[in-house]
Amino acid sequence: MTTRVALVGGTGKLGGIIRDVIDRSDGFEVVAVLTSRSALDELDGADLVVDASTPAVSVDVVRAAVERGINVLVGTSGWSEERIAQVRPLVDAAGTGVVFIPNFSLGSVVGSAIAAASASFFPSIEIIEAHRDTKVDSPSGTAVRTAELIAAARADVGPVESPHADQRARGQKVASVPIHSLRRPGVIARQETILSGPGESLSIVHDTIEPARAYEPGIRIALDAAREARGITVGLDSFIDIGISRAVPAEVGAEDGGLSGQVARVTGA
């Protein structure tokens, strides 16, 4: 049975990648392509809504889809735990499913999982993320997700140490973790999580080099999961076995299956 997909933001960079993956996937068909200015009644008739719009529009897309009883796969950035909490009652009442994916990259998901698994061992943790200068929101959804995973993993030891966090140059605190956002030409997506303790530091770095290749395996996984989902699920790590033991709830949280198009590395100093 073919799943009919309404793709919101289908003319954007991420939306174009998602549409290409859907067009080459068995069991899915794009039946409507919406922009951020389209009327949301164009979602009617779809079995699944895929949202790759903008943070300002995304919440309306999710609400409109759920009110119509349609499952949603959200790839739009800007969905923190607080924002997700605003739509949770609507999703629960409707009995639908919404899957939020801060990053479709397998390497990024692995990097965030390593950071969470290491979080309780280091008192100081900060995140530096960089994206192209056209990205409209900051901090990135991936950085927010990583910070929330770190906070959950540190539930027994408390928030990270972040001295002088009242100063604007110290970044924006998310779940006690300072996040520093760079927006500049010449970069696609890069995140470094720096964990520091007495006499040592650990840096976990992920670079996206070719988005189309990097995101495709994760998009396929998320599409398959989203059409049968119920309730709210956050993160691609909810659907793959990373093999890293960590006590983080799933809701806080491929064909080639590899890390093509991206680089992830862990360095100690």
Foldseek 3Di string as FASTA:
>chain_A
DAFEEEEECCVDDVNVLLQVLQVVDPRYDHPHYHYLPDDLVSCPPGQEYEYQYEPVRVVVNVLSQLVVLHFYEYQYKDDAPVNVVVCQVSQQVSFAEYEYALALFPQLQLLLLVCLLCLQVFQAKAKEKEAAQPRDDPDGRSRLLSLLSNLQQCVPPHAHDQPPVVDVVSADAHSNYHYHYHHHPPFHIKMWMWGDHPPKIKIKIKGQADRSVRRSASSVQSVVARSPGTGYFYHSCLRDCSPRDTPDDRRSHHDVPDRPRMDIDMDMD
